[in-house]
Structure formats: structure tokens, C-alpha cells
N, C-alpha and C. Protein backbone atom coordinates (compact mmCIF):
# COMPACT_ATOMS: atom_id res chain seq x y z
N UNK A 1 0.01 100.59 22.32
CA UNK A 1 -1.26 101.26 23.19
C UNK A 1 -2.40 100.61 22.57
N UNK A 2 -2.62 99.97 21.26
CA UNK A 2 -3.60 98.99 21.17
C UNK A 2 -2.91 97.48 21.57
N UNK A 3 -2.19 97.51 21.50
CA UNK A 3 -1.40 96.16 21.67
C UNK A 3 -1.53 95.93 23.01
N UNK A 4 -0.72 97.29 23.93
CA UNK A 4 -1.06 97.21 25.38
C UNK A 4 -2.14 97.06 26.08
N UNK A 5 -2.82 98.07 25.35
CA UNK A 5 -4.08 98.34 26.06
C UNK A 5 -5.66 96.92 25.78
N UNK A 6 -5.24 96.52 24.78
CA UNK A 6 -6.56 95.72 24.11
C UNK A 6 -5.91 94.69 23.84
N UNK A 7 -4.43 94.23 23.55
CA UNK A 7 -4.24 92.76 22.82
C UNK A 7 -4.25 92.86 21.63
N UNK A 8 -4.75 93.92 20.68
CA UNK A 8 -4.94 93.90 19.84
C UNK A 8 -3.42 94.22 18.52
N UNK A 9 -3.42 93.54 17.95
CA UNK A 9 -1.88 92.98 17.05
C UNK A 9 -2.20 93.62 15.29
N UNK A 10 -1.80 94.92 15.62
CA UNK A 10 -1.63 95.29 14.03
C UNK A 10 -0.75 96.61 13.39
N UNK A 11 -1.40 95.82 12.37
CA UNK A 11 0.50 96.58 11.18
C UNK A 11 0.43 98.73 11.60
N UNK A 12 1.25 99.67 10.83
CA UNK A 12 0.78 100.48 11.28
C UNK A 12 -0.66 101.55 10.05
N UNK A 13 0.19 100.33 8.54
CA UNK A 13 -0.67 100.31 7.12
C UNK A 13 -2.32 100.61 7.36
N UNK A 14 -2.43 99.48 8.41
CA UNK A 14 -3.81 99.00 9.04
C UNK A 14 -4.15 100.47 9.59
N UNK A 15 -3.67 100.62 10.67
CA UNK A 15 -3.94 102.57 11.37
C UNK A 15 -3.85 103.06 11.01
N UNK A 16 -3.13 104.07 10.07
CA UNK A 16 -3.02 104.51 8.92
C UNK A 16 -4.52 104.39 7.73
N UNK A 17 -4.58 103.44 7.46
CA UNK A 17 -5.93 103.98 6.98
C UNK A 17 -6.86 103.97 7.29
N UNK A 18 -7.03 103.47 8.03
CA UNK A 18 -8.96 103.45 9.31
C UNK A 18 -8.64 104.35 9.64
N UNK A 19 -7.31 105.49 9.87
CA UNK A 19 -7.21 107.22 10.09
C UNK A 19 -7.98 108.02 8.69
N UNK A 20 -7.52 107.40 7.98
CA UNK A 20 -8.10 108.95 6.76
C UNK A 20 -9.50 108.45 6.99
N UNK A 21 -9.36 107.00 5.91
CA UNK A 21 -11.14 106.77 5.88
C UNK A 21 -12.43 107.60 6.81
N UNK A 22 -11.98 108.13 7.87
CA UNK A 22 -12.51 108.54 9.16
C UNK A 22 -12.40 109.83 8.88
N UNK A 23 -11.53 110.16 8.71
CA UNK A 23 -10.94 111.48 7.85
C UNK A 23 -12.13 112.22 7.98
N UNK A 24 -12.60 111.27 6.30
CA UNK A 24 -12.98 112.18 5.24
C UNK A 24 -14.26 113.41 5.80
N UNK A 25 -14.96 114.39 5.60
CA UNK A 25 -15.81 115.18 5.54
C UNK A 25 -16.83 114.29 5.00
N UNK A 26 -18.37 114.13 5.83
CA UNK A 26 -19.42 113.53 6.03
C UNK A 26 -20.77 114.76 5.59
N UNK A 27 -21.01 113.98 4.56
CA UNK A 27 -23.32 115.17 4.52
C UNK A 27 -23.29 115.23 6.83
N UNK A 28 -23.94 116.18 6.75
CA UNK A 28 -24.82 116.42 7.72
C UNK A 28 -26.11 116.56 7.22
N UNK A 29 -26.44 115.58 7.78
CA UNK A 29 -28.52 116.04 7.96
C UNK A 29 -28.89 116.07 8.97
N UNK A 30 -29.97 117.61 8.21
CA UNK A 30 -30.67 117.88 10.06
C UNK A 30 -31.86 118.05 8.98
N UNK A 31 -32.74 117.68 10.04
CA UNK A 31 -34.63 117.50 10.23
C UNK A 31 -34.92 118.51 11.38
N UNK A 32 -35.56 119.62 10.35
CA UNK A 32 -36.41 120.55 11.13
C UNK A 32 -37.45 120.29 11.36
N UNK A 33 -38.69 120.75 12.19
CA UNK A 33 -40.15 120.65 12.26
C UNK A 33 -40.43 121.00 11.12
N UNK A 34 -39.91 122.33 10.72
CA UNK A 34 -41.09 123.12 9.49
C UNK A 34 -40.87 122.22 8.14
N UNK A 35 -39.89 121.46 7.92
CA UNK A 35 -39.70 121.00 6.90
C UNK A 35 -40.20 119.47 7.04
N UNK A 36 -40.32 118.45 8.09
CA UNK A 36 -41.19 117.47 8.14
C UNK A 36 -43.37 117.32 8.00
N UNK A 37 -43.31 118.21 8.22
CA UNK A 37 -44.77 118.02 7.38
C UNK A 37 -45.22 118.33 6.27
N UNK A 38 -44.27 119.46 5.37
CA UNK A 38 -44.77 119.94 3.78
C UNK A 38 -44.45 118.85 3.21
N UNK A 39 -45.52 118.67 1.79
CA UNK A 39 -45.31 117.57 0.97
C UNK A 39 -43.93 117.62 -0.39
N UNK A 40 -43.55 116.73 -0.76
CA UNK A 40 -42.42 117.12 -1.97
C UNK A 40 -42.54 117.67 -2.73
N UNK A 41 -41.66 119.02 -3.31
CA UNK A 41 -42.33 119.21 -4.74
C UNK A 41 -42.03 118.68 -6.27
N UNK A 42 -43.03 118.28 -7.51
CA UNK A 42 -42.35 118.01 -7.96
C UNK A 42 -40.79 117.66 -8.46
N UNK A 43 -40.05 118.59 -8.91
CA UNK A 43 -38.74 117.90 -8.91
C UNK A 43 -37.94 116.89 -7.60
N UNK A 44 -38.42 117.24 -6.12
CA UNK A 44 -38.38 116.41 -5.65
C UNK A 44 -38.53 114.76 -5.24
N UNK A 45 -40.02 114.15 -6.66
CA UNK A 45 -40.26 113.30 -6.36
C UNK A 45 -39.34 111.89 -5.91
N UNK A 46 -39.94 110.60 -6.07
CA UNK A 46 -39.53 110.07 -6.28
C UNK A 46 -38.87 108.81 -7.34
N UNK A 47 -37.56 108.20 -7.26
CA UNK A 47 -37.14 108.16 -8.90
C UNK A 47 -38.22 107.31 -9.17
N UNK A 48 -38.98 106.43 -8.68
CA UNK A 48 -40.41 105.85 -9.21
C UNK A 48 -40.56 105.92 -9.35
N UNK A 49 -41.38 107.11 -9.31
CA UNK A 49 -42.94 108.07 -9.75
C UNK A 49 -42.51 108.30 -11.19
N UNK A 50 -41.41 108.49 -11.04
CA UNK A 50 -40.80 109.66 -11.75
C UNK A 50 -40.46 108.82 -12.72
N UNK A 51 -40.31 107.54 -13.01
CA UNK A 51 -40.43 106.45 -13.68
C UNK A 51 -41.45 106.22 -14.44
N UNK A 52 -41.91 105.88 -13.68
CA UNK A 52 -43.60 105.53 -14.24
C UNK A 52 -44.47 106.75 -14.43
N UNK A 53 -44.43 107.79 -14.31
CA UNK A 53 -44.82 109.19 -14.90
C UNK A 53 -45.05 109.01 -16.42
N UNK A 54 -43.46 108.36 -16.94
CA UNK A 54 -42.91 108.91 -18.47
C UNK A 54 -43.59 108.02 -19.18
N UNK A 55 -44.08 108.74 -20.50
CA UNK A 55 -44.35 107.64 -21.23
C UNK A 55 -43.45 106.85 -21.93
N UNK A 56 -45.02 105.63 -21.99
CA UNK A 56 -43.71 103.77 -22.35
C UNK A 56 -44.15 103.61 -23.47
N UNK A 57 -42.98 104.07 -24.30
CA UNK A 57 -43.27 103.52 -26.61
C UNK A 57 -43.36 102.93 -26.52
N UNK A 58 -43.96 102.28 -27.75
CA UNK A 58 -44.64 100.63 -28.83
C UNK A 58 -43.70 100.13 -27.92
N UNK A 59 -43.86 98.80 -28.48
CA UNK A 59 -43.51 97.50 -28.28
C UNK A 59 -42.64 97.24 -30.29
N UNK A 60 -42.14 96.80 -30.04
CA UNK A 60 -41.71 96.62 -31.62
C UNK A 60 -42.32 95.16 -32.33
N UNK A 61 -42.86 95.11 -33.33
CA UNK A 61 -43.30 93.49 -33.89
C UNK A 61 -42.05 93.50 -33.42
N UNK A 62 -42.33 92.25 -33.50
CA UNK A 62 -42.06 90.77 -32.90
C UNK A 62 -41.60 90.26 -34.48
N UNK A 63 -40.14 89.68 -34.59
CA UNK A 63 -39.68 89.19 -35.78
C UNK A 63 -40.09 87.67 -35.90
N UNK A 64 -39.56 86.42 -34.70
CA UNK A 64 -39.82 85.52 -34.97
C UNK A 64 -41.33 85.32 -34.22
N UNK A 65 -41.33 84.03 -34.42
CA UNK A 65 -42.84 83.21 -33.78
C UNK A 65 -42.52 82.23 -32.64
N UNK A 66 -42.41 82.05 -31.77
CA UNK A 66 -42.81 81.33 -30.62
C UNK A 66 -43.67 79.92 -30.93
N UNK A 67 -42.95 78.68 -30.72
CA UNK A 67 -44.16 77.32 -30.65
C UNK A 67 -43.70 76.42 -29.70
N UNK A 68 -43.71 76.24 -28.76
CA UNK A 68 -43.33 75.12 -27.73
C UNK A 68 -42.72 73.74 -28.62
N UNK A 69 -43.58 73.44 -29.74
CA UNK A 69 -43.43 72.01 -29.79
C UNK A 69 -43.22 72.67 -31.95
N UNK A 70 -42.63 73.89 -31.75
CA UNK A 70 -41.95 73.39 -33.21
C UNK A 70 -40.41 74.30 -33.15
N UNK A 71 -39.38 74.31 -33.98
CA UNK A 71 -38.30 75.04 -34.53
C UNK A 71 -38.94 76.92 -34.30
N UNK A 72 -38.27 77.07 -33.66
CA UNK A 72 -37.93 78.85 -33.44
C UNK A 72 -38.46 79.40 -35.51
N UNK A 73 -39.19 80.34 -35.80
CA UNK A 73 -39.53 80.59 -37.25
C UNK A 73 -39.40 82.07 -36.91
N UNK A 74 -38.25 82.47 -38.58
CA UNK A 74 -38.63 84.44 -38.83
C UNK A 74 -40.19 83.95 -38.83
N UNK A 75 -40.91 85.07 -38.61
CA UNK A 75 -41.76 85.65 -39.16
C UNK A 75 -42.24 86.43 -41.16
N UNK A 76 -42.46 86.50 -41.81
CA UNK A 76 -42.56 86.86 -42.75
C UNK A 76 -42.71 87.52 -43.22
N UNK A 77 -43.32 89.44 -43.91
CA UNK A 77 -44.02 90.01 -44.42
C UNK A 77 -44.63 89.59 -44.79
N UNK A 78 -45.34 88.38 -45.66
CA UNK A 78 -46.49 88.66 -45.83
C UNK A 78 -47.75 87.93 -45.66
N UNK A 79 -47.00 86.67 -44.63
CA UNK A 79 -48.27 86.79 -43.44
C UNK A 79 -48.53 87.49 -42.58
């Protein structure tokens, strides 16, 4: 049919794979007028907002000292 009507030459496995992928059920998204104006709840916050609200742990003290003009050196506990 594809070859006769549309001049497209394909293998039967390509058509089978296309039909198989397209036949999978997909989630249906609907939006009603009632939910459009409501504020999101705290459980539905944006993932970035949740990360920003998370407390930040203190960074560990550096163990190396960097200077452009000197080689990388280990910081001693004595200094």
C-alpha cells in the first residue's frame, strides 16, 4: 500500500515497529477551568524550589593551597 500509493519502499519490520510504538497507551492530560486558577500545594512545588529550600551543608576546609605562581601545596594543620 505504501509503495503503490505513496511510492515509499519500506520493510515489513519497519512498519511493525512503527505500529508497535504508536499502539502504546499514553497518559491523557486534561485541564479543567477549576484547577487552572488554584495555587500549587507544597507537595507539588517545583523541583528547583525544593532544592533551594533545602539547607546547605558547610563545605569542608580545603586541604590544598593554590597559588598561580607556586606549585600546589598541602596545607599543614600546624599553620
